[in-house]
């Protein structure tokens, strides 16, 4: 089904009613909020993958694509006043919650 805003699915429910709601929920969580009016989807954010996944596959599921070799992370440094946050090594640390803390 690709990744779309919620209104994309609700406005065309007859087309997507057979898709499990969990799949549709995941799709909308990736794209975030936005509108779908007069057949035009207007998401609040553009999701772009810098990935070895082929461009046509990303575009087919309604995601942008960028060659990761073209990205210099330092181009994004110190731009918080523009709404851009660089988190160095983000995702390299995984944490396991102490299950005994929940008891």
PDB file of N, CA and C in Angstrom:
ATOM      1  N   UNK A   1       0.814  -1.201   0.000  1.00  0.00           N
ATOM      2  CA  UNK A   1       0.000   0.000   0.000  1.00  0.00           C
ATOM      3  C   UNK A   1       0.851   1.256   0.000  1.00  0.00           C
ATOM      4  N   UNK A   2       2.104   1.126   0.344  1.00  0.00           N
ATOM      5  CA  UNK A   2       2.970   2.295   0.393  1.00  0.00           C
ATOM      6  C   UNK A   2       2.765   3.088   1.668  1.00  0.00           C
ATOM      7  N   UNK A   3       3.407   4.219   1.744  1.00  0.00           N
ATOM      8  CA  UNK A   3       3.354   5.062   2.928  1.00  0.00           C
ATOM      9  C   UNK A   3       2.620   6.348   2.584  1.00  0.00           C
ATOM     10  N   UNK A   4       1.547   6.603   3.323  1.00  0.00           N
ATOM     11  CA  UNK A   4       0.671   7.735   3.030  1.00  0.00           C
ATOM     12  C   UNK A   4       0.155   8.347   4.324  1.00  0.00           C
ATOM     13  N   UNK A   5      -0.459   9.523   4.202  1.00  0.00           N
ATOM     14  CA  UNK A   5      -1.114  10.150   5.347  1.00  0.00           C
ATOM     15  C   UNK A   5      -2.457   9.463   5.582  1.00  0.00           C
ATOM     16  N   UNK A   6      -2.971   9.584   6.798  1.00  0.00           N
ATOM     17  CA  UNK A   6      -4.228   8.921   7.165  1.00  0.00           C
ATOM     18  C   UNK A   6      -5.365   9.247   6.201  1.00  0.00           C
ATOM     19  N   UNK A   7      -5.504  10.517   5.851  1.00  0.00           N
ATOM     20  CA  UNK A   7      -6.623  10.928   5.004  1.00  0.00           C
ATOM     21  C   UNK A   7      -6.589  10.272   3.626  1.00  0.00           C
ATOM     22  N   UNK A   8      -5.411   9.889   3.159  1.00  0.00           N
ATOM     23  CA  UNK A   8      -5.285   9.189   1.879  1.00  0.00           C
ATOM     24  C   UNK A   8      -6.095   7.902   1.917  1.00  0.00           C
ATOM     25  N   UNK A   9      -6.013   7.191   3.035  1.00  0.00           N
ATOM     26  CA  UNK A   9      -6.732   5.922   3.173  1.00  0.00           C
ATOM     27  C   UNK A   9      -8.206   6.136   3.491  1.00  0.00           C
ATOM     28  N   UNK A  10      -8.510   7.052   4.414  1.00  0.00           N
ATOM     29  CA  UNK A  10      -9.908   7.223   4.808  1.00  0.00           C
ATOM     30  C   UNK A  10     -10.754   7.794   3.676  1.00  0.00           C
ATOM     31  N   UNK A  11     -10.175   8.622   2.828  1.00  0.00           N
ATOM     32  CA  UNK A  11     -10.920   9.183   1.698  1.00  0.00           C
ATOM     33  C   UNK A  11     -11.190   8.150   0.611  1.00  0.00           C
ATOM     34  N   UNK A  12     -10.440   7.052   0.639  1.00  0.00           N
ATOM     35  CA  UNK A  12     -10.585   6.004  -0.376  1.00  0.00           C
ATOM     36  C   UNK A  12     -10.789   4.651   0.309  1.00  0.00           C
ATOM     37  N   UNK A  13     -11.577   4.643   1.377  1.00  0.00           N
ATOM     38  CA  UNK A  13     -11.692   3.459   2.211  1.00  0.00           C
ATOM     39  C   UNK A  13     -12.099   2.215   1.427  1.00  0.00           C
ATOM     40  N   UNK A  14     -12.980   2.373   0.449  1.00  0.00           N
ATOM     41  CA  UNK A  14     -13.424   1.208  -0.333  1.00  0.00           C
ATOM     42  C   UNK A  14     -12.249   0.537  -1.045  1.00  0.00           C
ATOM     43  N   UNK A  15     -11.238   1.285  -1.361  1.00  0.00           N
ATOM     44  CA  UNK A  15     -10.053   0.755  -2.039  1.00  0.00           C
ATOM     45  C   UNK A  15      -9.116   0.024  -1.074  1.00  0.00           C
ATOM     46  N   UNK A  16      -9.135   0.418   0.208  1.00  0.00           N
ATOM     47  CA  UNK A  16      -8.173  -0.115   1.173  1.00  0.00           C
ATOM     48  C   UNK A  16      -8.806  -0.898   2.319  1.00  0.00           C
ATOM     49  N   UNK A  17     -10.107  -1.067   2.332  1.00  0.00           N
ATOM     50  CA  UNK A  17     -10.783  -1.701   3.468  1.00  0.00           C
ATOM     51  C   UNK A  17     -10.354  -3.143   3.697  1.00  0.00           C
ATOM     52  N   UNK A  18      -9.820  -3.793   2.682  1.00  0.00           N
ATOM     53  CA  UNK A  18      -9.387  -5.191   2.824  1.00  0.00           C
ATOM     54  C   UNK A  18      -7.976  -5.324   3.407  1.00  0.00           C
ATOM     55  N   UNK A  19      -7.259  -4.220   3.529  1.00  0.00           N
ATOM     56  CA  UNK A  19      -5.897  -4.232   4.070  1.00  0.00           C
ATOM     57  C   UNK A  19      -5.990  -4.246   5.599  1.00  0.00           C
ATOM     58  N   UNK A  20      -5.230  -5.109   6.272  1.00  0.00           N
ATOM     59  CA  UNK A  20      -5.267  -5.114   7.739  1.00  0.00           C
ATOM     60  C   UNK A  20      -4.979  -3.720   8.306  1.00  0.00           C
ATOM     61  N   UNK A  21      -5.744  -3.340   9.304  1.00  0.00           N
ATOM     62  CA  UNK A  21      -5.613  -1.990   9.862  1.00  0.00           C
ATOM     63  C   UNK A  21      -4.240  -1.734  10.468  1.00  0.00           C
ATOM     64  N   UNK A  22      -3.587  -2.773  10.967  1.00  0.00           N
ATOM     65  CA  UNK A  22      -2.237  -2.605  11.501  1.00  0.00           C
ATOM     66  C   UNK A  22      -1.255  -2.180  10.422  1.00  0.00           C
ATOM     67  N   UNK A  23      -1.434  -2.704   9.213  1.00  0.00           N
ATOM     68  CA  UNK A  23      -0.583  -2.322   8.079  1.00  0.00           C
ATOM     69  C   UNK A  23      -0.824  -0.859   7.731  1.00  0.00           C
ATOM     70  N   UNK A  24      -2.092  -0.466   7.678  1.00  0.00           N
ATOM     71  CA  UNK A  24      -2.416   0.928   7.359  1.00  0.00           C
ATOM     72  C   UNK A  24      -1.908   1.868   8.450  1.00  0.00           C
ATOM     73  N   UNK A  25      -2.016   1.445   9.702  1.00  0.00           N
ATOM     74  CA  UNK A  25      -1.531   2.281  10.804  1.00  0.00           C
ATOM     75  C   UNK A  25      -0.027   2.499  10.678  1.00  0.00           C
ATOM     76  N   UNK A  26       0.718   1.438  10.379  1.00  0.00           N
ATOM     77  CA  UNK A  26       2.168   1.580  10.211  1.00  0.00           C
ATOM     78  C   UNK A  26       2.471   2.567   9.090  1.00  0.00           C
ATOM     79  N   UNK A  27       1.751   2.444   7.998  1.00  0.00           N
ATOM     80  CA  UNK A  27       1.967   3.331   6.859  1.00  0.00           C
ATOM     81  C   UNK A  27       1.766   4.790   7.253  1.00  0.00           C
ATOM     82  N   UNK A  28       0.713   5.057   8.002  1.00  0.00           N
ATOM     83  CA  UNK A  28       0.437   6.444   8.378  1.00  0.00           C
ATOM     84  C   UNK A  28       1.402   6.940   9.446  1.00  0.00           C
ATOM     85  N   UNK A  29       1.913   6.051  10.288  1.00  0.00           N
ATOM     86  CA  UNK A  29       2.880   6.483  11.302  1.00  0.00           C
ATOM     87  C   UNK A  29       4.190   6.913  10.658  1.00  0.00           C
ATOM     88  N   UNK A  30       4.567   6.292   9.578  1.00  0.00           N
ATOM     89  CA  UNK A  30       5.800   6.657   8.878  1.00  0.00           C
ATOM     90  C   UNK A  30       5.661   8.030   8.230  1.00  0.00           C
ATOM     91  N   UNK A  31       4.543   8.295   7.562  1.00  0.00           N
ATOM     92  CA  UNK A  31       4.369   9.561   6.836  1.00  0.00           C
ATOM     93  C   UNK A  31       3.913  10.711   7.712  1.00  0.00           C
ATOM     94  N   UNK A  32       3.296  10.423   8.833  1.00  0.00           N
ATOM     95  CA  UNK A  32       2.829  11.500   9.689  1.00  0.00           C
ATOM     96  C   UNK A  32       1.506  12.079   9.224  1.00  0.00           C
ATOM     97  N   UNK A  33       1.221  13.270   9.706  1.00  0.00           N
ATOM     98  CA  UNK A  33      -0.056  13.897   9.395  1.00  0.00           C
ATOM     99  C   UNK A  33       0.009  14.606   8.057  1.00  0.00           C
ATOM    100  N   UNK A  34      -1.150  14.910   7.548  1.00  0.00           N
ATOM    101  CA  UNK A  34      -1.255  15.606   6.273  1.00  0.00           C
ATOM    102  C   UNK A  34      -2.690  15.567   5.798  1.00  0.00           C
ATOM    103  N   UNK A  35      -2.899  15.940   4.556  1.00  0.00           N
ATOM    104  CA  UNK A  35      -4.254  15.963   4.005  1.00  0.00           C
ATOM    105  C   UNK A  35      -4.300  15.223   2.677  1.00  0.00           C
ATOM    106  N   UNK A  36      -5.509  14.877   2.282  1.00  0.00           N
ATOM    107  CA  UNK A  36      -5.768  14.292   0.967  1.00  0.00           C
ATOM    108  C   UNK A  36      -7.054  14.931   0.484  1.00  0.00           C
ATOM    109  N   UNK A  37      -6.925  15.908  -0.399  1.00  0.00           N
ATOM    110  CA  UNK A  37      -8.080  16.657  -0.890  1.00  0.00           C
ATOM    111  C   UNK A  37      -8.047  16.723  -2.401  1.00  0.00           C
ATOM    112  N   UNK A  38      -9.204  16.474  -3.008  1.00  0.00           N
ATOM    113  CA  UNK A  38      -9.336  16.518  -4.469  1.00  0.00           C
ATOM    114  C   UNK A  38      -8.311  15.624  -5.159  1.00  0.00           C
ATOM    115  N   UNK A  39      -8.036  14.471  -4.540  1.00  0.00           N
ATOM    116  CA  UNK A  39      -7.110  13.514  -5.137  1.00  0.00           C
ATOM    117  C   UNK A  39      -5.644  13.853  -4.979  1.00  0.00           C
ATOM    118  N   UNK A  40      -5.328  14.867  -4.167  1.00  0.00           N
ATOM    119  CA  UNK A  40      -3.937  15.286  -3.979  1.00  0.00           C
ATOM    120  C   UNK A  40      -3.533  15.076  -2.521  1.00  0.00           C
ATOM    121  N   UNK A  41      -2.483  14.290  -2.331  1.00  0.00           N
ATOM    122  CA  UNK A  41      -1.956  14.044  -0.994  1.00  0.00           C
ATOM    123  C   UNK A  41      -0.926  15.118  -0.656  1.00  0.00           C
ATOM    124  N   UNK A  42      -1.085  15.719   0.524  1.00  0.00           N
ATOM    125  CA  UNK A  42      -0.153  16.752   0.986  1.00  0.00           C
ATOM    126  C   UNK A  42       0.342  16.382   2.379  1.00  0.00           C
ATOM    127  N   UNK A  43       1.433  15.614   2.445  1.00  0.00           N
ATOM    128  CA  UNK A  43       1.963  15.241   3.758  1.00  0.00           C
ATOM    129  C   UNK A  43       2.673  16.415   4.424  1.00  0.00           C
ATOM    130  N   UNK A  44       2.742  16.362   5.751  1.00  0.00           N
ATOM    131  CA  UNK A  44       3.457  17.397   6.501  1.00  0.00           C
ATOM    132  C   UNK A  44       4.955  17.237   6.337  1.00  0.00           C
ATOM    133  N   UNK A  45       5.417  15.990   6.152  1.00  0.00           N
ATOM    134  CA  UNK A  45       6.845  15.719   6.016  1.00  0.00           C
ATOM    135  C   UNK A  45       7.106  14.843   4.801  1.00  0.00           C
ATOM    136  N   UNK A  46       8.297  14.962   4.275  1.00  0.00           N
ATOM    137  CA  UNK A  46       8.760  14.072   3.209  1.00  0.00           C
ATOM    138  C   UNK A  46       9.722  13.082   3.845  1.00  0.00           C
ATOM    139  N   UNK A  47       9.478  11.801   3.646  1.00  0.00           N
ATOM    140  CA  UNK A  47      10.360  10.763   4.181  1.00  0.00           C
ATOM    141  C   UNK A  47      11.270  10.307   3.050  1.00  0.00           C
ATOM    142  N   UNK A  48      12.570  10.450   3.251  1.00  0.00           N
ATOM    143  CA  UNK A  48      13.560  10.069   2.245  1.00  0.00           C
ATOM    144  C   UNK A  48      14.530   9.075   2.859  1.00  0.00           C
ATOM    145  N   UNK A  49      14.742   7.968   2.168  1.00  0.00           N
ATOM    146  CA  UNK A  49      15.697   6.966   2.624  1.00  0.00           C
ATOM    147  C   UNK A  49      17.023   7.164   1.906  1.00  0.00           C
ATOM    148  N   UNK A  50      18.096   7.218   2.668  1.00  0.00           N
ATOM    149  CA  UNK A  50      19.442   7.163   2.097  1.00  0.00           C
ATOM    150  C   UNK A  50      19.825   5.701   2.219  1.00  0.00           C
ATOM    151  N   UNK A  51      19.683   4.984   1.124  1.00  0.00           N
ATOM    152  CA  UNK A  51      19.699   3.533   1.228  1.00  0.00           C
ATOM    153  C   UNK A  51      20.212   2.867  -0.029  1.00  0.00           C
ATOM    154  N   UNK A  52      20.638   1.622   0.155  1.00  0.00           N
ATOM    155  CA  UNK A  52      20.987   0.781  -0.981  1.00  0.00           C
ATOM    156  C   UNK A  52      19.757   0.192  -1.641  1.00  0.00           C
ATOM    157  N   UNK A  53      18.585   0.415  -1.036  1.00  0.00           N
ATOM    158  CA  UNK A  53      17.340  -0.010  -1.674  1.00  0.00           C
ATOM    159  C   UNK A  53      17.215   0.787  -2.966  1.00  0.00           C
ATOM    160  N   UNK A  54      16.883   0.157  -4.078  1.00  0.00           N
ATOM    161  CA  UNK A  54      16.801   0.895  -5.343  1.00  0.00           C
ATOM    162  C   UNK A  54      15.790   2.045  -5.303  1.00  0.00           C
ATOM    163  N   UNK A  55      16.119   3.116  -6.006  1.00  0.00           N
ATOM    164  CA  UNK A  55      15.259   4.302  -6.072  1.00  0.00           C
ATOM    165  C   UNK A  55      13.839   3.946  -6.484  1.00  0.00           C
ATOM    166  N   UNK A  56      13.679   3.094  -7.508  1.00  0.00           N
ATOM    167  CA  UNK A  56      12.332   2.790  -7.994  1.00  0.00           C
ATOM    168  C   UNK A  56      11.494   2.074  -6.942  1.00  0.00           C
ATOM    169  N   UNK A  57      12.122   1.272  -6.100  1.00  0.00           N
ATOM    170  CA  UNK A  57      11.386   0.597  -5.027  1.00  0.00           C
ATOM    171  C   UNK A  57      10.893   1.630  -4.014  1.00  0.00           C
ATOM    172  N   UNK A  58      11.758   2.561  -3.620  1.00  0.00           N
ATOM    173  CA  UNK A  58      11.360   3.618  -2.688  1.00  0.00           C
ATOM    174  C   UNK A  58      10.225   4.453  -3.264  1.00  0.00           C
ATOM    175  N   UNK A  59      10.343   4.846  -4.513  1.00  0.00           N
ATOM    176  CA  UNK A  59       9.312   5.669  -5.133  1.00  0.00           C
ATOM    177  C   UNK A  59       7.999   4.912  -5.274  1.00  0.00           C
ATOM    178  N   UNK A  60       8.072   3.612  -5.517  1.00  0.00           N
ATOM    179  CA  UNK A  60       6.858   2.799  -5.670  1.00  0.00           C
ATOM    180  C   UNK A  60       6.058   2.749  -4.361  1.00  0.00           C
ATOM    181  N   UNK A  61       6.738   2.855  -3.226  1.00  0.00           N
ATOM    182  CA  UNK A  61       6.037   2.835  -1.944  1.00  0.00           C
ATOM    183  C   UNK A  61       5.883   4.245  -1.359  1.00  0.00           C
ATOM    184  N   UNK A  62       6.032   5.242  -2.199  1.00  0.00           N
ATOM    185  CA  UNK A  62       5.776   6.641  -1.853  1.00  0.00           C
ATOM    186  C   UNK A  62       6.794   7.217  -0.861  1.00  0.00           C
ATOM    187  N   UNK A  63       8.047   6.798  -0.999  1.00  0.00           N
ATOM    188  CA  UNK A  63       9.132   7.362  -0.199  1.00  0.00           C
ATOM    189  C   UNK A  63      10.174   7.964  -1.130  1.00  0.00           C
ATOM    190  N   UNK A  64      10.850   8.986  -0.653  1.00  0.00           N
ATOM    191  CA  UNK A  64      11.945   9.549  -1.425  1.00  0.00           C
ATOM    192  C   UNK A  64      13.185   8.676  -1.300  1.00  0.00           C
ATOM    193  N   UNK A  65      14.142   8.894  -2.168  1.00  0.00           N
ATOM    194  CA  UNK A  65      15.389   8.126  -2.156  1.00  0.00           C
ATOM    195  C   UNK A  65      16.561   9.065  -2.361  1.00  0.00           C
ATOM    196  N   UNK A  66      17.662   8.760  -1.691  1.00  0.00           N
ATOM    197  CA  UNK A  66      18.899   9.515  -1.884  1.00  0.00           C
ATOM    198  C   UNK A  66      20.070   8.552  -1.772  1.00  0.00           C
ATOM    199  N   UNK A  67      21.044   8.743  -2.622  1.00  0.00           N
ATOM    200  CA  UNK A  67      22.254   7.928  -2.592  1.00  0.00           C
ATOM    201  C   UNK A  67      23.019   8.263  -1.316  1.00  0.00           C
ATOM    202  N   UNK A  68      23.231   7.280  -0.435  1.00  0.00           N
ATOM    203  CA  UNK A  68      23.922   7.582   0.821  1.00  0.00           C
ATOM    204  C   UNK A  68      25.343   8.109   0.626  1.00  0.00           C
ATOM    205  N   UNK A  69      25.964   7.806  -0.497  1.00  0.00           N
ATOM    206  CA  UNK A  69      27.329   8.289  -0.754  1.00  0.00           C
ATOM    207  C   UNK A  69      27.367   9.802  -0.957  1.00  0.00           C
ATOM    208  N   UNK A  70      26.204  10.419  -1.200  1.00  0.00           N
ATOM    209  CA  UNK A  70      26.164  11.867  -1.431  1.00  0.00           C
ATOM    210  C   UNK A  70      25.938  12.660  -0.150  1.00  0.00           C
ATOM    211  N   UNK A  71      25.857  11.981   0.969  1.00  0.00           N
ATOM    212  CA  UNK A  71      25.536  12.665   2.222  1.00  0.00           C
ATOM    213  C   UNK A  71      26.794  12.879   3.061  1.00  0.00           C
ATOM    214  N   UNK A  72      27.019  14.122   3.422  1.00  0.00           N
ATOM    215  CA  UNK A  72      28.075  14.488   4.360  1.00  0.00           C
ATOM    216  C   UNK A  72      27.371  14.919   5.643  1.00  0.00           C
ATOM    217  N   UNK A  73      27.404  14.090   6.685  1.00  0.00           N
ATOM    218  CA  UNK A  73      26.683  14.438   7.913  1.00  0.00           C
ATOM    219  C   UNK A  73      27.020  15.825   8.451  1.00  0.00           C
ATOM    220  N   UNK A  74      28.232  16.267   8.259  1.00  0.00           N
ATOM    221  CA  UNK A  74      28.619  17.579   8.787  1.00  0.00           C
ATOM    222  C   UNK A  74      27.867  18.726   8.113  1.00  0.00           C
ATOM    223  N   UNK A  75      27.288  18.478   6.948  1.00  0.00           N
ATOM    224  CA  UNK A  75      26.459  19.505   6.311  1.00  0.00           C
ATOM    225  C   UNK A  75      25.230  19.843   7.155  1.00  0.00           C
ATOM    226  N   UNK A  76      24.881  18.960   8.093  1.00  0.00           N
ATOM    227  CA  UNK A  76      23.698  19.151   8.922  1.00  0.00           C
ATOM    228  C   UNK A  76      24.040  19.641  10.327  1.00  0.00           C
ATOM    229  N   UNK A  77      25.318  19.767  10.636  1.00  0.00           N
ATOM    230  CA  UNK A  77      25.757  20.168  11.976  1.00  0.00           C
ATOM    231  C   UNK A  77      25.468  21.640  12.240  1.00  0.00           C
ATOM    232  N   UNK A  78      25.151  21.934  13.501  1.00  0.00           N
ATOM    233  CA  UNK A  78      24.969  23.316  13.976  1.00  0.00           C
ATOM    234  C   UNK A  78      23.899  24.077  13.203  1.00  0.00           C
ATOM    235  N   UNK A  79      22.827  23.391  12.858  1.00  0.00           N
ATOM    236  CA  UNK A  79      21.741  24.039  12.108  1.00  0.00           C
ATOM    237  C   UNK A  79      20.421  23.965  12.869  1.00  0.00           C
ATOM    238  N   UNK A  80      20.520  23.846  14.191  1.00  0.00           N
ATOM    239  CA  UNK A  80      19.322  23.728  15.007  1.00  0.00           C
ATOM    240  C   UNK A  80      18.377  24.912  14.821  1.00  0.00           C
ATOM    241  N   UNK A  81      18.929  26.111  14.591  1.00  0.00           N
ATOM    242  CA  UNK A  81      18.080  27.289  14.395  1.00  0.00           C
ATOM    243  C   UNK A  81      17.268  27.200  13.107  1.00  0.00           C
ATOM    244  N   UNK A  82      17.629  26.270  12.226  1.00  0.00           N
ATOM    245  CA  UNK A  82      16.876  26.024  10.989  1.00  0.00           C
ATOM    246  C   UNK A  82      15.912  24.849  11.150  1.00  0.00           C
ATOM    247  N   UNK A  83      15.887  24.275  12.353  1.00  0.00           N
ATOM    248  CA  UNK A  83      15.029  23.118  12.580  1.00  0.00           C
ATOM    249  C   UNK A  83      15.669  21.809  12.166  1.00  0.00           C
ATOM    250  N   UNK A  84      16.997  21.810  11.998  1.00  0.00           N
ATOM    251  CA  UNK A  84      17.735  20.612  11.581  1.00  0.00           C
ATOM    252  C   UNK A  84      18.606  20.163  12.739  1.00  0.00           C
ATOM    253  N   UNK A  85      18.452  18.903  13.140  1.00  0.00           N
ATOM    254  CA  UNK A  85      19.223  18.364  14.250  1.00  0.00           C
ATOM    255  C   UNK A  85      20.056  17.192  13.766  1.00  0.00           C
ATOM    256  N   UNK A  86      21.351  17.281  13.963  1.00  0.00           N
ATOM    257  CA  UNK A  86      22.256  16.176  13.660  1.00  0.00           C
ATOM    258  C   UNK A  86      22.520  15.418  14.949  1.00  0.00           C
ATOM    259  N   UNK A  87      22.217  14.130  14.946  1.00  0.00           N
ATOM    260  CA  UNK A  87      22.504  13.265  16.090  1.00  0.00           C
ATOM    261  C   UNK A  87      23.563  12.284  15.624  1.00  0.00           C
ATOM    262  N   UNK A  88      24.782  12.534  16.035  1.00  0.00           N
ATOM    263  CA  UNK A  88      25.887  11.667  15.617  1.00  0.00           C
ATOM    264  C   UNK A  88      25.717  10.271  16.205  1.00  0.00           C
ATOM    265  N   UNK A  89      25.955   9.281  15.375  1.00  0.00           N
ATOM    266  CA  UNK A  89      25.879   7.871  15.773  1.00  0.00           C
ATOM    267  C   UNK A  89      24.504   7.482  16.307  1.00  0.00           C
ATOM    268  N   UNK A  90      23.476   8.170  15.864  1.00  0.00           N
ATOM    269  CA  UNK A  90      22.115   7.820  16.287  1.00  0.00           C
ATOM    270  C   UNK A  90      21.798   6.403  15.836  1.00  0.00           C
ATOM    271  N   UNK A  91      21.211   5.639  16.709  1.00  0.00           N
ATOM    272  CA  UNK A  91      20.833   4.278  16.371  1.00  0.00           C
ATOM    273  C   UNK A  91      21.924   3.253  16.578  1.00  0.00           C
ATOM    274  N   UNK A  92      23.119   3.687  16.931  1.00  0.00           N
ATOM    275  CA  UNK A  92      24.195   2.721  17.148  1.00  0.00           C
ATOM    276  C   UNK A  92      24.137   2.106  18.536  1.00  0.00           C
ATOM    277  N   UNK A  93      23.411   2.737  19.425  1.00  0.00           N
ATOM    278  CA  UNK A  93      23.278   2.217  20.783  1.00  0.00           C
ATOM    279  C   UNK A  93      21.863   1.686  20.960  1.00  0.00           C
ATOM    280  N   UNK A  94      21.745   0.435  21.351  1.00  0.00           N
ATOM    281  CA  UNK A  94      20.451  -0.143  21.681  1.00  0.00           C
ATOM    282  C   UNK A  94      20.434  -0.425  23.171  1.00  0.00           C
ATOM    283  N   UNK A  95      19.310  -0.234  23.769  1.00  0.00           N
ATOM    284  CA  UNK A  95      19.190  -0.430  25.204  1.00  0.00           C
ATOM    285  C   UNK A  95      18.159  -1.504  25.490  1.00  0.00           C
ATOM    286  N   UNK A  96      18.471  -2.359  26.456  1.00  0.00           N
ATOM    287  CA  UNK A  96      17.529  -3.384  26.890  1.00  0.00           C
ATOM    288  C   UNK A  96      16.953  -2.907  28.216  1.00  0.00           C
ATOM    289  N   UNK A  97      15.626  -2.853  28.288  1.00  0.00           N
ATOM    290  CA  UNK A  97      14.992  -2.449  29.528  1.00  0.00           C
ATOM    291  C   UNK A  97      15.100  -3.571  30.542  1.00  0.00           C
ATOM    292  N   UNK A  98      15.290  -3.196  31.770  1.00  0.00           N
ATOM    293  CA  UNK A  98      15.347  -4.167  32.856  1.00  0.00           C
ATOM    294  C   UNK A  98      13.923  -4.626  33.136  1.00  0.00           C
ATOM    295  N   UNK A  99      13.606  -5.855  32.761  1.00  0.00           N
ATOM    296  CA  UNK A  99      12.238  -6.347  32.909  1.00  0.00           C
ATOM    297  C   UNK A  99      11.821  -6.438  34.370  1.00  0.00           C
ATOM    298  N   UNK A 100      12.767  -6.549  35.292  1.00  0.00           N
ATOM    299  CA  UNK A 100      12.404  -6.619  36.712  1.00  0.00           C
ATOM    300  C   UNK A 100      11.897  -5.274  37.219  1.00  0.00           C
ATOM    301  N   UNK A 101      12.232  -4.192  36.535  1.00  0.00           N
ATOM    302  CA  UNK A 101      11.777  -2.865  36.954  1.00  0.00           C
ATOM    303  C   UNK A 101      10.275  -2.710  36.777  1.00  0.00           C
ATOM    304  N   UNK A 102       9.680  -3.506  35.898  1.00  0.00           N
ATOM    305  CA  UNK A 102       8.246  -3.415  35.650  1.00  0.00           C
ATOM    306  C   UNK A 102       7.440  -4.131  36.729  1.00  0.00           C
ATOM    307  N   UNK A 103       8.088  -4.932  37.547  1.00  0.00           N
ATOM    308  CA  UNK A 103       7.367  -5.714  38.574  1.00  0.00           C
ATOM    309  C   UNK A 103       7.199  -4.958  39.856  1.00  0.00           C
TER     310      UNK A 103
END
